Amino acid sequence: VAWRDAHAPGKPVWVTEFGWDCATSLAGRKGAFAKWAGNVTDAAQAAYLLRSIPLFLAAGVERADIYFFDDKDEPQMHAASGIMRNGHPKPSWYALRQMQSLLGDATLVRLDHDGTFYIATWRQPDGSGCLMLWTAEADHDGNGTPHTFTAGRLGEAIPMTLAATAPAVIHPVPASPGRWTLPVGPRPLYVPLN
């Protein structure tokens, strides 16, 4: 984006392919992939894809295309980065479907962070809003670390889903007037603004 601003102001920036490989087996790796340590879990792929979207938008990227739709789960570079595996949804497919369902036509209003804790503020055309919270750390199972932040009235926090069923909601805990505490980890939470 900085290069575009300096050399081609006003031109749109597109990320034409991004994603993470998540092969279920690394047996039989060959060539460059045998040396590559970038394979992630299915849950990590889902979290990283969702977190990338507001990061790209905040950086000035106009469009970003996920690479790719359906993979064959092969242990080679770029052969296990689909959101489907052999025609069946991966956790990233469910997580992206949930993001689309919750945010729909929302636009990113702002992205705040302290280097480790991120708050993306989204606004719907009707004026309603939603926060997307996450921490910048490697994916892991668990509830996350309590984080306190400033916001107006909040609805129930909706954790990122990894399956067809929605996870249980989390109730924000008032810390002081206008401040809330929620357990936040690397998997995004969606929090409606009431």
Protein backbone atom coordinates (compact mmCIF):
# COMPACT_ATOMS: atom_id res chain seq x y z
CA VAL A 1 0.00 0.00 0.00
CA ALA A 2 2.87 2.38 0.84
CA TRP A 3 4.49 1.65 -2.54
CA ARG A 4 1.15 2.30 -4.27
CA ASP A 5 0.71 5.59 -2.41
CA ALA A 6 4.18 6.72 -3.50
CA HIS A 7 4.15 5.48 -7.11
CA ALA A 8 0.52 4.99 -8.19
CA PRO A 9 -1.76 7.08 -5.95
CA GLY A 10 -5.41 6.12 -6.17
CA LYS A 11 -4.83 2.69 -7.72
CA PRO A 12 -6.63 -0.11 -5.88
CA VAL A 13 -4.57 -2.73 -4.02
CA TRP A 14 -5.74 -6.32 -4.31
CA VAL A 15 -4.36 -9.40 -2.59
CA THR A 16 -5.10 -11.97 -5.27
CA GLU A 17 -4.31 -15.06 -3.18
CA PHE A 18 -3.85 -15.64 0.54
CA GLY A 19 -4.34 -18.62 2.80
CA TRP A 20 -2.78 -21.27 5.01
CA ASP A 21 -2.07 -24.91 4.27
CA CYS A 22 -3.53 -27.35 6.79
CA ALA A 23 -2.78 -30.86 5.56
CA THR A 24 -3.99 -33.58 7.93
CA SER A 25 -0.83 -35.62 7.31
CA LEU A 26 2.66 -34.48 6.38
CA ALA A 27 3.80 -38.00 5.43
CA GLY A 28 5.33 -38.16 1.97
CA ARG A 29 6.33 -34.50 1.76
CA LYS A 30 8.74 -33.78 -1.08
CA GLY A 31 10.68 -30.89 -2.53
CA ALA A 32 10.31 -27.44 -0.97
CA PHE A 33 7.34 -28.56 1.14
CA ALA A 34 9.54 -31.11 2.96
CA LYS A 35 11.54 -28.17 4.39
CA TRP A 36 8.53 -25.92 5.00
CA ALA A 37 7.23 -25.52 8.57
CA GLY A 38 4.15 -23.44 7.74
CA ASN A 39 1.44 -26.11 7.91
CA VAL A 40 -1.21 -25.11 10.49
CA THR A 41 -4.17 -26.83 12.11
CA ASP A 42 -7.68 -26.54 10.70
CA ALA A 43 -8.68 -24.24 13.57
CA ALA A 44 -5.63 -22.03 13.05
CA GLN A 45 -6.43 -21.70 9.33
CA ALA A 46 -9.94 -20.52 10.23
CA ALA A 47 -8.71 -17.98 12.81
CA TYR A 48 -5.97 -16.61 10.56
CA LEU A 49 -8.32 -16.17 7.60
CA LEU A 50 -10.87 -14.23 9.69
CA ARG A 51 -8.20 -12.06 11.33
CA SER A 52 -6.68 -11.22 7.95
CA ILE A 53 -9.83 -9.59 6.60
CA PRO A 54 -9.92 -6.55 8.94
CA LEU A 55 -6.11 -6.33 8.85
CA PHE A 56 -6.16 -6.06 5.04
CA LEU A 57 -9.02 -3.54 5.07
CA ALA A 58 -7.32 -1.37 7.70
CA ALA A 59 -4.13 -1.38 5.62
CA GLY A 60 -6.00 -0.05 2.58
CA VAL A 61 -6.42 -3.28 0.62
CA GLU A 62 -9.58 -3.05 -1.46
CA ARG A 63 -10.00 -6.76 -2.20
CA ALA A 64 -8.45 -9.99 -0.91
CA ASP A 65 -9.20 -13.41 -2.37
CA ILE A 66 -8.82 -16.53 -0.25
CA TYR A 67 -6.79 -19.28 -1.89
CA PHE A 68 -8.61 -21.62 -2.50
CA PHE A 69 -11.98 -23.38 -2.34
CA ASP A 70 -11.59 -27.19 -2.34
CA ASP A 71 -8.34 -29.08 -1.77
CA LYS A 72 -7.41 -32.75 -1.92
CA ASP A 73 -5.48 -32.70 1.40
CA GLU A 74 -2.15 -33.37 -0.26
CA PRO A 75 1.12 -32.87 1.67
CA GLN A 76 2.57 -30.34 -0.73
CA MET A 77 2.80 -26.56 -0.76
CA HIS A 78 -0.52 -24.85 -1.59
CA ALA A 79 -2.32 -28.18 -1.92
CA ALA A 80 -4.13 -28.11 1.45
CA SER A 81 -5.20 -24.47 1.77
CA GLY A 82 -8.82 -24.80 0.68
CA ILE A 83 -11.78 -24.00 2.89
CA MET A 84 -13.22 -27.36 1.80
CA ARG A 85 -11.42 -30.72 1.87
CA ASN A 86 -12.45 -33.30 -0.69
CA GLY A 87 -15.85 -31.65 -1.06
CA HIS A 88 -16.53 -31.34 2.68
CA PRO A 89 -16.41 -28.09 4.71
CA LYS A 90 -13.36 -27.45 6.86
CA PRO A 91 -13.65 -25.39 10.06
CA SER A 92 -12.59 -22.32 8.02
CA TRP A 93 -15.68 -22.70 5.81
CA TYR A 94 -17.95 -22.63 8.89
CA ALA A 95 -16.02 -19.69 10.39
CA LEU A 96 -16.26 -17.66 7.17
CA ARG A 97 -19.97 -18.48 6.85
CA GLN A 98 -20.49 -17.28 10.42
CA MET A 99 -18.55 -14.05 9.73
CA GLN A 100 -20.70 -13.39 6.65
CA SER A 101 -23.86 -14.12 8.61
CA LEU A 102 -22.92 -11.79 11.49
CA LEU A 103 -21.29 -8.96 9.53
CA GLY A 104 -22.97 -9.19 6.11
CA ASP A 105 -22.73 -5.75 4.50
CA ALA A 106 -20.89 -4.16 7.42
CA THR A 107 -17.89 -1.96 6.76
CA LEU A 108 -14.81 -1.73 8.90
CA VAL A 109 -14.92 1.59 10.77
CA ARG A 110 -11.65 1.22 12.64
CA LEU A 111 -9.07 -1.25 13.86
CA ASP A 112 -7.49 -0.61 17.25
CA HIS A 113 -4.71 -2.66 18.80
CA ASP A 114 -1.90 -2.51 21.28
CA GLY A 115 0.23 -5.00 19.37
CA THR A 116 -1.36 -8.06 20.92
CA PHE A 117 -5.07 -7.28 21.54
CA TYR A 118 -7.16 -6.27 18.49
CA ILE A 119 -10.59 -4.63 18.30
CA ALA A 120 -12.17 -4.29 14.84
CA THR A 121 -15.28 -2.08 14.86
CA TRP A 122 -17.79 -2.87 12.12
CA ARG A 123 -20.88 -0.81 11.17
CA GLN A 124 -23.94 -2.07 9.30
CA PRO A 125 -25.81 0.13 6.78
CA ASP A 126 -28.64 0.45 9.35
CA GLY A 127 -26.19 1.94 11.89
CA SER A 128 -25.90 -1.12 14.12
CA GLY A 129 -22.42 -2.23 15.02
CA CYS A 130 -20.32 -5.18 16.02
CA LEU A 131 -16.88 -5.59 17.56
CA MET A 132 -14.52 -8.35 16.48
CA LEU A 133 -11.93 -9.11 19.17
CA TRP A 134 -8.83 -11.32 19.03
CA THR A 135 -5.28 -11.63 20.27
CA ALA A 136 -2.24 -11.82 18.01
CA GLU A 137 -0.91 -15.16 19.07
CA ALA A 138 -0.65 -18.65 17.65
CA ASP A 139 -3.94 -20.53 17.65
CA HIS A 140 -4.74 -22.70 20.66
CA ASP A 141 -7.73 -24.28 22.33
CA GLY A 142 -9.02 -22.56 25.42
CA ASN A 143 -11.02 -19.56 26.54
CA GLY A 144 -8.41 -16.87 26.16
CA THR A 145 -7.09 -14.30 28.58
CA PRO A 146 -9.35 -11.70 30.23
CA HIS A 147 -9.08 -8.35 28.42
CA THR A 148 -10.78 -5.15 29.54
CA PHE A 149 -11.77 -2.56 26.96
CA THR A 150 -13.96 0.51 26.54
CA ALA A 151 -17.25 0.20 24.65
CA GLY A 152 -20.90 1.18 24.84
CA ARG A 153 -23.59 -1.34 25.70
CA LEU A 154 -22.68 -4.81 24.50
CA GLY A 155 -24.62 -7.89 23.52
CA GLU A 156 -23.49 -11.43 24.18
CA ALA A 157 -20.10 -12.37 22.71
CA ILE A 158 -20.25 -14.99 19.98
CA PRO A 159 -17.09 -17.11 19.62
CA MET A 160 -15.77 -18.10 16.20
CA THR A 161 -17.37 -21.36 15.16
CA LEU A 162 -15.47 -24.37 13.82
CA ALA A 163 -18.50 -26.52 13.00
CA ALA A 164 -22.09 -26.42 11.81
CA THR A 165 -23.33 -25.73 15.34
CA ALA A 166 -22.77 -22.39 17.04
CA PRO A 167 -20.63 -22.29 20.19
CA ALA A 168 -22.10 -21.07 23.48
CA VAL A 169 -22.22 -17.29 23.88
CA ILE A 170 -20.09 -15.50 26.48
CA HIS A 171 -21.50 -12.72 28.66
CA PRO A 172 -19.32 -9.61 28.89
CA VAL A 173 -18.54 -8.68 32.49
CA PRO A 174 -18.82 -4.99 33.43
CA ALA A 175 -15.45 -3.81 34.78
CA SER A 176 -16.48 -0.19 35.42
CA PRO A 177 -18.86 2.24 33.71
CA GLY A 178 -18.27 1.88 29.96
CA ARG A 179 -15.59 -0.81 30.39
CA TRP A 180 -16.04 -4.52 29.84
CA THR A 181 -14.01 -7.68 30.37
CA LEU A 182 -14.10 -10.74 28.14
CA PRO A 183 -11.81 -13.74 27.72
CA VAL A 184 -10.15 -13.12 24.36
CA GLY A 185 -7.81 -15.44 22.52
CA PRO A 186 -6.55 -16.00 18.98
CA ARG A 187 -9.95 -17.11 17.70
CA PRO A 188 -12.14 -14.04 17.09
CA LEU A 189 -15.14 -13.12 19.22
CA TYR A 190 -18.02 -11.10 17.74
CA VAL A 191 -19.71 -8.72 20.14
CA PRO A 192 -22.83 -6.81 18.99
CA LEU A 193 -23.01 -3.17 20.06
CA ASN A 194 -26.42 -2.46 21.60
